[in-house]
Amino acid sequence: MKRALFAIGAVVAAAIALPLRAQTMTPELRPFVGAYVPTGAMRDIMKSSALFGVEGAFEVNPNLHLIGTFSWSPAHNKFTGYDENLSLYSFDVGAELGLVRPLPLGWEFKPFFGLGGGARKYDYKDTQFPSRSWGAGYVSLGTEFQLSAVALRIEARENFFGYKPPFPDATSGTRNDATVLFGFAYHFR
């Protein structure tokens, strides 16, 4: 986990250190909906659910974006009797490296690779389980189809984080899950 956080820090530091070529960074707003899909050991604990959130980004240059993401999932675990029994919050920062390829009629195809880190919080509705926060990291792949200042986006993330189920005899460890995000991007020009 320390290596991943170091790599994330190195990418963000390199992105910030790049020359801006006498231009300003272009801000973007990216609301999204999606799916939270537990994988590995998390599949035994959590159910898949909807995901809602927003990203804010700065376009350093057409191939590099610095981003911050907040998401919320009305999640469902498998060990309490409630239907929607916890809120899963994720907060992270990262960078996207990508390409820009022109398409007909003024569209642009913009595939990207992302890397970032932050935290996630499990807020249980059942008061016998305390809310907990854990460090997290992610890698992502996606694309954007942009026309003028508006774009359609799809992004898939593999998330890595620390987690300990809220049971007295449970052990903590690194877990993973996946998220798929569908949304729009507005590029303020």
N, C-alpha and C. Protein backbone atom coordinates (compact mmCIF):
# COMPACT_ATOMS: atom_id res chain seq x y z
N MET A 1 0.83 -1.19 0.00
CA MET A 1 0.00 0.00 0.00
C MET A 1 0.88 1.26 0.00
N LYS A 2 2.01 1.21 0.75
CA LYS A 2 2.90 2.37 0.79
C LYS A 2 3.49 2.65 -0.58
N ARG A 3 3.81 1.58 -1.33
CA ARG A 3 4.35 1.78 -2.67
C ARG A 3 3.33 2.44 -3.58
N ALA A 4 2.08 2.01 -3.46
CA ALA A 4 1.03 2.61 -4.28
C ALA A 4 0.86 4.09 -3.95
N LEU A 5 0.85 4.42 -2.66
CA LEU A 5 0.71 5.83 -2.27
C LEU A 5 1.91 6.65 -2.73
N PHE A 6 3.12 6.06 -2.69
CA PHE A 6 4.30 6.75 -3.18
C PHE A 6 4.18 7.01 -4.68
N ALA A 7 3.72 6.00 -5.44
CA ALA A 7 3.54 6.16 -6.88
C ALA A 7 2.51 7.24 -7.19
N ILE A 8 1.42 7.26 -6.44
CA ILE A 8 0.39 8.28 -6.63
C ILE A 8 0.97 9.66 -6.37
N GLY A 9 1.70 9.80 -5.29
CA GLY A 9 2.32 11.08 -4.96
C GLY A 9 3.30 11.53 -6.03
N ALA A 10 4.08 10.59 -6.58
CA ALA A 10 5.04 10.92 -7.62
C ALA A 10 4.34 11.41 -8.88
N VAL A 11 3.23 10.75 -9.27
CA VAL A 11 2.48 11.17 -10.46
C VAL A 11 1.90 12.57 -10.27
N VAL A 12 1.29 12.81 -9.10
CA VAL A 12 0.70 14.12 -8.84
C VAL A 12 1.79 15.20 -8.79
N ALA A 13 2.92 14.91 -8.14
CA ALA A 13 4.01 15.89 -8.07
C ALA A 13 4.57 16.21 -9.46
N ALA A 14 4.73 15.17 -10.29
CA ALA A 14 5.22 15.39 -11.65
C ALA A 14 4.23 16.23 -12.46
N ALA A 15 2.94 15.96 -12.27
CA ALA A 15 1.93 16.72 -13.00
C ALA A 15 1.94 18.19 -12.61
N ILE A 16 2.10 18.44 -11.32
CA ILE A 16 2.12 19.83 -10.85
C ILE A 16 3.37 20.54 -11.33
N ALA A 17 4.49 19.80 -11.43
CA ALA A 17 5.76 20.41 -11.81
C ALA A 17 5.87 20.68 -13.31
N LEU A 18 5.00 20.13 -14.13
CA LEU A 18 5.09 20.34 -15.57
C LEU A 18 4.85 21.81 -15.92
N PRO A 19 5.58 22.33 -16.90
CA PRO A 19 5.35 23.72 -17.31
C PRO A 19 3.96 23.90 -17.91
N LEU A 20 3.38 25.04 -17.64
CA LEU A 20 2.02 25.30 -18.11
C LEU A 20 1.97 25.96 -19.48
N ARG A 21 3.12 26.18 -20.11
CA ARG A 21 3.19 26.73 -21.46
C ARG A 21 2.40 28.02 -21.65
N ALA A 22 2.52 28.95 -20.72
CA ALA A 22 1.87 30.26 -20.81
C ALA A 22 0.36 30.15 -20.98
N GLN A 23 -0.22 29.13 -20.39
CA GLN A 23 -1.66 28.98 -20.44
C GLN A 23 -2.17 28.70 -19.04
N THR A 24 -3.43 28.88 -18.84
CA THR A 24 -4.00 28.57 -17.54
C THR A 24 -4.66 27.21 -17.59
N MET A 25 -4.79 26.59 -16.42
CA MET A 25 -5.46 25.30 -16.37
C MET A 25 -6.96 25.50 -16.57
N THR A 26 -7.57 24.64 -17.37
CA THR A 26 -8.99 24.72 -17.65
C THR A 26 -9.76 23.86 -16.66
N PRO A 27 -10.68 24.46 -15.87
CA PRO A 27 -11.46 23.64 -14.94
C PRO A 27 -12.56 22.86 -15.64
N GLU A 28 -12.93 21.72 -15.05
CA GLU A 28 -14.00 20.88 -15.55
C GLU A 28 -14.87 20.42 -14.40
N LEU A 29 -16.14 20.22 -14.67
CA LEU A 29 -17.08 19.65 -13.71
C LEU A 29 -17.65 18.38 -14.33
N ARG A 30 -17.60 17.25 -13.55
CA ARG A 30 -17.97 15.95 -14.10
C ARG A 30 -18.93 15.19 -13.16
N PRO A 31 -20.23 15.44 -13.23
CA PRO A 31 -21.16 14.62 -12.43
C PRO A 31 -21.29 13.23 -13.05
N PHE A 32 -21.56 12.23 -12.20
CA PHE A 32 -21.68 10.87 -12.71
C PHE A 32 -22.63 10.02 -11.87
N VAL A 33 -23.09 8.94 -12.48
CA VAL A 33 -23.80 7.85 -11.81
C VAL A 33 -23.05 6.59 -12.21
N GLY A 34 -23.26 5.52 -11.45
CA GLY A 34 -22.54 4.31 -11.80
C GLY A 34 -22.92 3.14 -10.93
N ALA A 35 -22.00 2.20 -10.85
CA ALA A 35 -22.22 0.97 -10.09
C ALA A 35 -21.02 0.69 -9.21
N TYR A 36 -21.30 0.27 -7.99
CA TYR A 36 -20.29 -0.22 -7.05
C TYR A 36 -20.37 -1.74 -7.10
N VAL A 37 -19.25 -2.41 -7.41
CA VAL A 37 -19.24 -3.87 -7.56
C VAL A 37 -18.14 -4.45 -6.68
N PRO A 38 -18.51 -5.09 -5.55
CA PRO A 38 -17.49 -5.71 -4.71
C PRO A 38 -16.83 -6.89 -5.43
N THR A 39 -15.53 -7.04 -5.24
CA THR A 39 -14.80 -8.16 -5.83
C THR A 39 -13.94 -8.80 -4.74
N GLY A 40 -13.40 -9.95 -5.03
CA GLY A 40 -12.54 -10.64 -4.08
C GLY A 40 -13.26 -10.90 -2.77
N ALA A 41 -12.56 -10.68 -1.66
CA ALA A 41 -13.11 -10.93 -0.32
C ALA A 41 -14.30 -10.02 -0.01
N MET A 42 -14.37 -8.85 -0.62
CA MET A 42 -15.49 -7.93 -0.37
C MET A 42 -16.81 -8.50 -0.88
N ARG A 43 -16.76 -9.39 -1.85
CA ARG A 43 -17.98 -9.99 -2.40
C ARG A 43 -18.73 -10.81 -1.34
N ASP A 44 -17.99 -11.33 -0.35
CA ASP A 44 -18.61 -12.09 0.74
C ASP A 44 -19.27 -11.19 1.77
N ILE A 45 -18.94 -9.89 1.75
CA ILE A 45 -19.40 -8.95 2.77
C ILE A 45 -20.44 -7.96 2.23
N MET A 46 -20.24 -7.49 1.00
CA MET A 46 -21.06 -6.42 0.44
C MET A 46 -21.81 -6.88 -0.81
N LYS A 47 -22.91 -6.18 -1.10
CA LYS A 47 -23.67 -6.41 -2.33
C LYS A 47 -23.39 -5.27 -3.30
N SER A 48 -23.60 -5.49 -4.57
CA SER A 48 -23.46 -4.43 -5.57
C SER A 48 -24.54 -3.39 -5.33
N SER A 49 -24.25 -2.14 -5.68
CA SER A 49 -25.24 -1.07 -5.49
C SER A 49 -24.96 0.08 -6.45
N ALA A 50 -25.85 1.04 -6.43
CA ALA A 50 -25.70 2.25 -7.26
C ALA A 50 -24.60 3.14 -6.66
N LEU A 51 -24.11 4.05 -7.47
CA LEU A 51 -23.05 4.97 -7.06
C LEU A 51 -23.35 6.34 -7.67
N PHE A 52 -23.19 7.40 -6.90
CA PHE A 52 -23.45 8.76 -7.36
C PHE A 52 -22.28 9.65 -6.95
N GLY A 53 -21.92 10.62 -7.78
CA GLY A 53 -20.82 11.47 -7.37
C GLY A 53 -20.51 12.56 -8.36
N VAL A 54 -19.39 13.23 -8.09
CA VAL A 54 -18.93 14.32 -8.91
C VAL A 54 -17.40 14.36 -8.89
N GLU A 55 -16.83 14.69 -10.03
CA GLU A 55 -15.39 14.94 -10.14
C GLU A 55 -15.20 16.39 -10.51
N GLY A 56 -14.16 16.97 -9.97
CA GLY A 56 -13.68 18.27 -10.41
C GLY A 56 -12.31 18.05 -11.01
N ALA A 57 -12.01 18.70 -12.11
CA ALA A 57 -10.72 18.46 -12.76
C ALA A 57 -10.14 19.77 -13.26
N PHE A 58 -8.83 19.76 -13.42
CA PHE A 58 -8.11 20.84 -14.07
C PHE A 58 -7.32 20.23 -15.22
N GLU A 59 -7.56 20.76 -16.42
CA GLU A 59 -6.80 20.32 -17.59
C GLU A 59 -5.50 21.10 -17.62
N VAL A 60 -4.40 20.44 -17.26
CA VAL A 60 -3.08 21.07 -17.28
C VAL A 60 -2.66 21.27 -18.73
N ASN A 61 -2.85 20.25 -19.54
CA ASN A 61 -2.70 20.32 -20.99
C ASN A 61 -3.65 19.26 -21.56
N PRO A 62 -3.83 19.17 -22.85
CA PRO A 62 -4.82 18.23 -23.38
C PRO A 62 -4.60 16.77 -22.98
N ASN A 63 -3.37 16.41 -22.56
CA ASN A 63 -3.07 15.03 -22.22
C ASN A 63 -2.97 14.76 -20.72
N LEU A 64 -3.10 15.78 -19.88
CA LEU A 64 -2.94 15.61 -18.44
C LEU A 64 -4.01 16.38 -17.68
N HIS A 65 -4.72 15.66 -16.80
CA HIS A 65 -5.75 16.27 -15.95
C HIS A 65 -5.46 15.92 -14.50
N LEU A 66 -5.61 16.88 -13.61
CA LEU A 66 -5.57 16.66 -12.18
C LEU A 66 -7.01 16.62 -11.70
N ILE A 67 -7.37 15.61 -10.90
CA ILE A 67 -8.78 15.43 -10.55
C ILE A 67 -8.98 15.21 -9.05
N GLY A 68 -10.16 15.56 -8.60
CA GLY A 68 -10.63 15.24 -7.27
C GLY A 68 -12.01 14.64 -7.41
N THR A 69 -12.29 13.58 -6.65
CA THR A 69 -13.56 12.86 -6.79
C THR A 69 -14.22 12.67 -5.44
N PHE A 70 -15.53 12.85 -5.40
CA PHE A 70 -16.35 12.49 -4.24
C PHE A 70 -17.46 11.58 -4.76
N SER A 71 -17.68 10.45 -4.07
CA SER A 71 -18.79 9.58 -4.46
C SER A 71 -19.50 9.05 -3.22
N TRP A 72 -20.75 8.66 -3.43
CA TRP A 72 -21.58 8.10 -2.37
C TRP A 72 -22.34 6.91 -2.94
N SER A 73 -22.39 5.85 -2.16
CA SER A 73 -23.17 4.68 -2.54
C SER A 73 -24.08 4.30 -1.38
N PRO A 74 -25.40 4.16 -1.63
CA PRO A 74 -26.30 3.64 -0.60
C PRO A 74 -26.11 2.12 -0.56
N ALA A 75 -25.05 1.69 0.08
CA ALA A 75 -24.59 0.31 -0.01
C ALA A 75 -25.40 -0.65 0.86
N HIS A 76 -25.20 -1.90 0.59
CA HIS A 76 -25.88 -2.99 1.28
C HIS A 76 -24.84 -4.02 1.69
N ASN A 77 -24.73 -4.32 3.00
CA ASN A 77 -23.85 -5.40 3.38
C ASN A 77 -24.67 -6.64 3.66
N LYS A 78 -24.00 -7.75 3.87
CA LYS A 78 -24.69 -9.03 4.01
C LYS A 78 -24.83 -9.49 5.46
N PHE A 79 -24.46 -8.64 6.43
CA PHE A 79 -24.47 -9.11 7.81
C PHE A 79 -25.44 -8.39 8.73
N THR A 80 -26.22 -7.43 8.23
CA THR A 80 -27.28 -6.83 9.05
C THR A 80 -28.61 -7.04 8.36
N GLY A 81 -29.68 -6.85 9.07
CA GLY A 81 -31.00 -7.11 8.53
C GLY A 81 -31.62 -5.95 7.77
N TYR A 82 -30.95 -4.81 7.70
CA TYR A 82 -31.49 -3.65 7.01
C TYR A 82 -31.31 -3.79 5.50
N ASP A 83 -32.20 -3.17 4.74
CA ASP A 83 -32.07 -3.22 3.28
C ASP A 83 -30.90 -2.33 2.84
N GLU A 84 -31.05 -1.03 3.00
CA GLU A 84 -29.97 -0.09 2.67
C GLU A 84 -29.33 0.25 4.01
N ASN A 85 -28.25 -0.46 4.37
CA ASN A 85 -27.79 -0.38 5.73
C ASN A 85 -26.50 0.38 5.97
N LEU A 86 -25.92 0.97 4.94
CA LEU A 86 -24.76 1.82 5.17
C LEU A 86 -24.57 2.76 4.01
N SER A 87 -23.90 3.84 4.30
CA SER A 87 -23.49 4.77 3.25
C SER A 87 -21.99 4.62 3.08
N LEU A 88 -21.56 4.45 1.85
CA LEU A 88 -20.15 4.32 1.52
C LEU A 88 -19.72 5.60 0.81
N TYR A 89 -18.82 6.35 1.45
CA TYR A 89 -18.31 7.61 0.89
C TYR A 89 -16.87 7.40 0.45
N SER A 90 -16.50 7.94 -0.71
CA SER A 90 -15.12 7.90 -1.19
C SER A 90 -14.68 9.31 -1.55
N PHE A 91 -13.46 9.63 -1.16
CA PHE A 91 -12.84 10.93 -1.44
C PHE A 91 -11.45 10.64 -1.98
N ASP A 92 -11.09 11.18 -3.14
CA ASP A 92 -9.74 10.96 -3.64
C ASP A 92 -9.28 12.06 -4.58
N VAL A 93 -7.98 12.09 -4.80
CA VAL A 93 -7.35 12.98 -5.77
C VAL A 93 -6.45 12.13 -6.65
N GLY A 94 -6.21 12.59 -7.86
CA GLY A 94 -5.37 11.81 -8.75
C GLY A 94 -5.05 12.56 -10.03
N ALA A 95 -4.57 11.81 -11.00
CA ALA A 95 -4.19 12.37 -12.29
C ALA A 95 -4.64 11.42 -13.39
N GLU A 96 -4.96 11.98 -14.54
CA GLU A 96 -5.30 11.21 -15.74
C GLU A 96 -4.34 11.59 -16.85
N LEU A 97 -3.78 10.59 -17.50
CA LEU A 97 -2.93 10.78 -18.67
C LEU A 97 -3.68 10.19 -19.85
N GLY A 98 -3.77 10.95 -20.94
CA GLY A 98 -4.57 10.46 -22.05
C GLY A 98 -4.12 10.98 -23.39
N LEU A 99 -4.86 10.59 -24.39
CA LEU A 99 -4.64 10.99 -25.77
C LEU A 99 -5.84 11.79 -26.26
N VAL A 100 -5.64 12.56 -27.30
CA VAL A 100 -6.73 13.28 -27.95
C VAL A 100 -6.67 12.95 -29.44
N ARG A 101 -7.76 12.36 -29.94
CA ARG A 101 -7.84 11.99 -31.36
C ARG A 101 -9.09 12.63 -31.95
N PRO A 102 -8.93 13.42 -33.02
CA PRO A 102 -10.09 14.04 -33.65
C PRO A 102 -10.98 13.01 -34.35
N LEU A 103 -12.27 13.26 -34.29
CA LEU A 103 -13.28 12.45 -34.97
C LEU A 103 -14.07 13.35 -35.92
N PRO A 104 -14.87 12.78 -36.80
CA PRO A 104 -15.69 13.61 -37.70
C PRO A 104 -16.67 14.50 -36.94
N LEU A 105 -17.09 15.55 -37.58
CA LEU A 105 -18.10 16.49 -37.10
C LEU A 105 -17.67 17.24 -35.84
N GLY A 106 -16.38 17.40 -35.59
CA GLY A 106 -15.89 18.19 -34.47
C GLY A 106 -15.75 17.45 -33.16
N TRP A 107 -16.07 16.16 -33.13
CA TRP A 107 -15.92 15.37 -31.91
C TRP A 107 -14.45 15.04 -31.67
N GLU A 108 -14.12 14.79 -30.40
CA GLU A 108 -12.79 14.31 -30.03
C GLU A 108 -12.93 13.04 -29.20
N PHE A 109 -12.08 12.06 -29.50
CA PHE A 109 -12.01 10.81 -28.76
C PHE A 109 -10.82 10.94 -27.80
N LYS A 110 -11.07 10.77 -26.47
CA LYS A 110 -10.04 11.04 -25.48
C LYS A 110 -9.90 9.88 -24.48
N PRO A 111 -9.24 8.78 -24.88
CA PRO A 111 -9.02 7.68 -23.92
C PRO A 111 -8.00 8.11 -22.87
N PHE A 112 -8.10 7.54 -21.64
CA PHE A 112 -7.18 7.93 -20.58
C PHE A 112 -6.91 6.79 -19.61
N PHE A 113 -5.83 6.95 -18.87
CA PHE A 113 -5.43 6.07 -17.77
C PHE A 113 -5.30 6.96 -16.55
N GLY A 114 -5.83 6.53 -15.42
CA GLY A 114 -5.78 7.35 -14.20
C GLY A 114 -5.19 6.61 -13.02
N LEU A 115 -4.73 7.38 -12.05
CA LEU A 115 -4.13 6.85 -10.84
C LEU A 115 -4.38 7.86 -9.73
N GLY A 116 -4.77 7.38 -8.54
CA GLY A 116 -5.03 8.32 -7.46
C GLY A 116 -5.15 7.64 -6.11
N GLY A 117 -5.38 8.44 -5.10
CA GLY A 117 -5.52 7.92 -3.75
C GLY A 117 -6.35 8.85 -2.89
N GLY A 118 -6.80 8.33 -1.76
CA GLY A 118 -7.62 9.12 -0.85
C GLY A 118 -8.10 8.29 0.31
N ALA A 119 -9.39 8.37 0.58
CA ALA A 119 -9.97 7.65 1.72
C ALA A 119 -11.39 7.25 1.39
N ARG A 120 -11.88 6.28 2.13
CA ARG A 120 -13.29 5.92 2.06
C ARG A 120 -13.81 5.72 3.46
N LYS A 121 -15.12 6.00 3.62
CA LYS A 121 -15.76 5.91 4.93
C LYS A 121 -16.98 5.01 4.82
N TYR A 122 -17.10 4.08 5.78
CA TYR A 122 -18.26 3.19 5.90
C TYR A 122 -19.09 3.70 7.06
N ASP A 123 -20.27 4.23 6.77
CA ASP A 123 -21.15 4.81 7.78
C ASP A 123 -22.38 3.90 7.93
N TYR A 124 -22.35 3.02 8.95
CA TYR A 124 -23.41 2.03 9.17
C TYR A 124 -24.63 2.65 9.83
N LYS A 125 -25.81 2.25 9.38
CA LYS A 125 -27.05 2.73 10.01
C LYS A 125 -27.30 2.02 11.34
N ASP A 126 -26.85 0.77 11.46
CA ASP A 126 -26.98 0.02 12.70
C ASP A 126 -25.93 0.55 13.68
N THR A 127 -26.36 1.11 14.79
CA THR A 127 -25.44 1.76 15.71
C THR A 127 -24.49 0.80 16.43
N GLN A 128 -24.73 -0.49 16.35
CA GLN A 128 -23.79 -1.43 16.98
C GLN A 128 -22.49 -1.54 16.18
N PHE A 129 -22.49 -1.06 14.92
CA PHE A 129 -21.29 -1.07 14.09
C PHE A 129 -20.76 0.36 13.96
N PRO A 130 -19.56 0.65 14.43
CA PRO A 130 -19.03 2.01 14.36
C PRO A 130 -18.67 2.39 12.91
N SER A 131 -18.80 3.69 12.60
CA SER A 131 -18.34 4.19 11.30
C SER A 131 -16.82 4.11 11.28
N ARG A 132 -16.28 3.78 10.12
CA ARG A 132 -14.83 3.63 9.99
C ARG A 132 -14.37 4.28 8.69
N SER A 133 -13.16 4.81 8.70
CA SER A 133 -12.53 5.36 7.50
C SER A 133 -11.23 4.61 7.24
N TRP A 134 -10.89 4.47 5.95
CA TRP A 134 -9.71 3.72 5.55
C TRP A 134 -9.02 4.44 4.39
N GLY A 135 -7.70 4.31 4.29
CA GLY A 135 -6.96 4.81 3.14
C GLY A 135 -7.31 4.00 1.91
N ALA A 136 -7.24 4.64 0.74
CA ALA A 136 -7.62 3.96 -0.50
C ALA A 136 -6.79 4.47 -1.68
N GLY A 137 -6.69 3.66 -2.70
CA GLY A 137 -6.05 4.04 -3.95
C GLY A 137 -6.83 3.44 -5.11
N TYR A 138 -6.57 3.91 -6.31
CA TYR A 138 -7.27 3.37 -7.47
C TYR A 138 -6.42 3.49 -8.72
N VAL A 139 -6.75 2.67 -9.69
CA VAL A 139 -6.28 2.82 -11.07
C VAL A 139 -7.54 2.83 -11.92
N SER A 140 -7.51 3.57 -13.02
CA SER A 140 -8.71 3.67 -13.85
C SER A 140 -8.35 3.67 -15.33
N LEU A 141 -9.33 3.26 -16.12
CA LEU A 141 -9.29 3.35 -17.58
C LEU A 141 -10.62 3.92 -18.02
N GLY A 142 -10.59 4.74 -19.03
CA GLY A 142 -11.84 5.29 -19.51
C GLY A 142 -11.66 6.06 -20.79
N THR A 143 -12.74 6.69 -21.19
CA THR A 143 -12.69 7.53 -22.38
C THR A 143 -13.73 8.63 -22.26
N GLU A 144 -13.49 9.65 -23.04
CA GLU A 144 -14.39 10.79 -23.11
C GLU A 144 -14.62 11.10 -24.58
N PHE A 145 -15.86 11.37 -24.94
CA PHE A 145 -16.20 11.82 -26.29
C PHE A 145 -16.65 13.26 -26.16
N GLN A 146 -15.82 14.19 -26.63
CA GLN A 146 -16.06 15.61 -26.41
C GLN A 146 -16.46 16.32 -27.69
N LEU A 147 -17.46 17.20 -27.55
CA LEU A 147 -17.89 18.09 -28.62
C LEU A 147 -17.97 19.47 -28.01
N SER A 148 -17.08 20.35 -28.43
CA SER A 148 -16.99 21.71 -27.89
C SER A 148 -16.68 21.63 -26.39
N ALA A 149 -17.52 22.20 -25.54
CA ALA A 149 -17.24 22.23 -24.10
C ALA A 149 -17.89 21.09 -23.33
N VAL A 150 -18.66 20.23 -24.01
CA VAL A 150 -19.40 19.16 -23.32
C VAL A 150 -18.88 17.80 -23.77
N ALA A 151 -18.84 16.85 -22.84
CA ALA A 151 -18.35 15.52 -23.17
C ALA A 151 -19.17 14.45 -22.46
N LEU A 152 -19.25 13.29 -23.08
CA LEU A 152 -19.80 12.08 -22.47
C LEU A 152 -18.61 11.27 -21.97
N ARG A 153 -18.72 10.70 -20.75
CA ARG A 153 -17.60 9.97 -20.16
C ARG A 153 -18.02 8.58 -19.68
N ILE A 154 -17.09 7.65 -19.76
CA ILE A 154 -17.22 6.35 -19.12
C ILE A 154 -15.86 6.02 -18.51
N GLU A 155 -15.89 5.52 -17.29
CA GLU A 155 -14.65 5.23 -16.58
C GLU A 155 -14.85 3.99 -15.71
N ALA A 156 -13.87 3.11 -15.71
CA ALA A 156 -13.86 1.94 -14.84
C ALA A 156 -12.68 2.07 -13.89
N ARG A 157 -12.95 1.84 -12.60
CA ARG A 157 -11.90 1.94 -11.58
C ARG A 157 -11.76 0.64 -10.82
N GLU A 158 -10.53 0.28 -10.54
CA GLU A 158 -10.24 -0.80 -9.62
C GLU A 158 -9.71 -0.11 -8.36
N ASN A 159 -10.39 -0.31 -7.24
CA ASN A 159 -10.08 0.36 -5.99
C ASN A 159 -9.39 -0.59 -5.02
N PHE A 160 -8.39 -0.10 -4.31
CA PHE A 160 -7.67 -0.86 -3.30
C PHE A 160 -7.73 -0.07 -2.00
N PHE A 161 -8.02 -0.74 -0.88
CA PHE A 161 -8.20 -0.02 0.37
C PHE A 161 -8.03 -0.95 1.55
N GLY A 162 -7.77 -0.37 2.70
CA GLY A 162 -7.75 -1.14 3.93
C GLY A 162 -9.18 -1.33 4.41
N TYR A 163 -9.45 -2.47 5.04
CA TYR A 163 -10.81 -2.72 5.54
C TYR A 163 -10.76 -3.78 6.63
N LYS A 164 -11.61 -3.60 7.62
CA LYS A 164 -11.83 -4.61 8.66
C LYS A 164 -13.32 -4.69 8.89
N PRO A 165 -13.93 -5.86 8.66
CA PRO A 165 -15.36 -6.00 8.94
C PRO A 165 -15.65 -5.66 10.40
N PRO A 166 -16.81 -5.13 10.69
CA PRO A 166 -17.11 -4.67 12.05
C PRO A 166 -17.52 -5.78 13.01
N PHE A 167 -16.73 -6.85 13.05
CA PHE A 167 -16.97 -7.97 13.97
C PHE A 167 -15.81 -8.04 14.94
N PRO A 168 -16.03 -8.46 16.17
CA PRO A 168 -14.94 -8.52 17.15
C PRO A 168 -13.76 -9.40 16.73
N ASP A 169 -13.99 -10.52 16.06
CA ASP A 169 -12.90 -11.44 15.72
C ASP A 169 -12.39 -11.25 14.28
N ALA A 170 -12.85 -10.22 13.58
CA ALA A 170 -12.44 -10.00 12.18
C ALA A 170 -11.03 -9.43 12.11
N THR A 171 -10.36 -9.75 11.03
CA THR A 171 -9.01 -9.21 10.81
C THR A 171 -9.06 -8.18 9.70
N SER A 172 -8.16 -7.20 9.82
CA SER A 172 -8.10 -6.18 8.78
C SER A 172 -7.15 -6.63 7.68
N GLY A 173 -7.30 -6.03 6.52
CA GLY A 173 -6.44 -6.35 5.40
C GLY A 173 -6.75 -5.45 4.22
N THR A 174 -6.00 -5.63 3.17
CA THR A 174 -6.23 -4.87 1.95
C THR A 174 -7.31 -5.59 1.15
N ARG A 175 -8.29 -4.82 0.69
CA ARG A 175 -9.40 -5.37 -0.09
C ARG A 175 -9.47 -4.61 -1.42
N ASN A 176 -10.34 -5.07 -2.30
CA ASN A 176 -10.53 -4.36 -3.56
C ASN A 176 -11.98 -4.48 -4.01
N ASP A 177 -12.37 -3.53 -4.85
CA ASP A 177 -13.67 -3.56 -5.51
C ASP A 177 -13.55 -2.78 -6.80
N ALA A 178 -14.61 -2.76 -7.56
CA ALA A 178 -14.61 -2.05 -8.84
C ALA A 178 -15.77 -1.06 -8.87
N THR A 179 -15.59 0.01 -9.60
CA THR A 179 -16.68 0.94 -9.85
C THR A 179 -16.69 1.27 -11.35
N VAL A 180 -17.88 1.48 -11.86
CA VAL A 180 -18.06 1.89 -13.25
C VAL A 180 -18.84 3.19 -13.21
N LEU A 181 -18.31 4.24 -13.84
CA LEU A 181 -18.90 5.57 -13.79
C LEU A 181 -19.35 6.01 -15.19
N PHE A 182 -20.56 6.55 -15.28
CA PHE A 182 -21.09 7.11 -16.52
C PHE A 182 -21.47 8.55 -16.23
N GLY A 183 -21.04 9.47 -17.07
CA GLY A 183 -21.38 10.85 -16.77
C GLY A 183 -21.09 11.81 -17.90
N PHE A 184 -21.15 13.08 -17.52
CA PHE A 184 -20.89 14.19 -18.43
C PHE A 184 -19.72 14.96 -17.90
N ALA A 185 -19.10 15.74 -18.76
CA ALA A 185 -18.05 16.67 -18.34
C ALA A 185 -18.35 18.00 -19.01
N TYR A 186 -18.24 19.05 -18.22
CA TYR A 186 -18.36 20.39 -18.78
C TYR A 186 -17.02 21.07 -18.61
N HIS A 187 -16.42 21.51 -19.73
CA HIS A 187 -15.11 22.16 -19.74
C HIS A 187 -15.32 23.67 -19.78
N PHE A 188 -15.00 24.35 -18.69
CA PHE A 188 -15.16 25.81 -18.62
C PHE A 188 -14.03 26.44 -19.43
N ARG A 189 -14.39 27.16 -20.47
CA ARG A 189 -13.36 27.76 -21.34
C ARG A 189 -13.39 29.25 -21.26
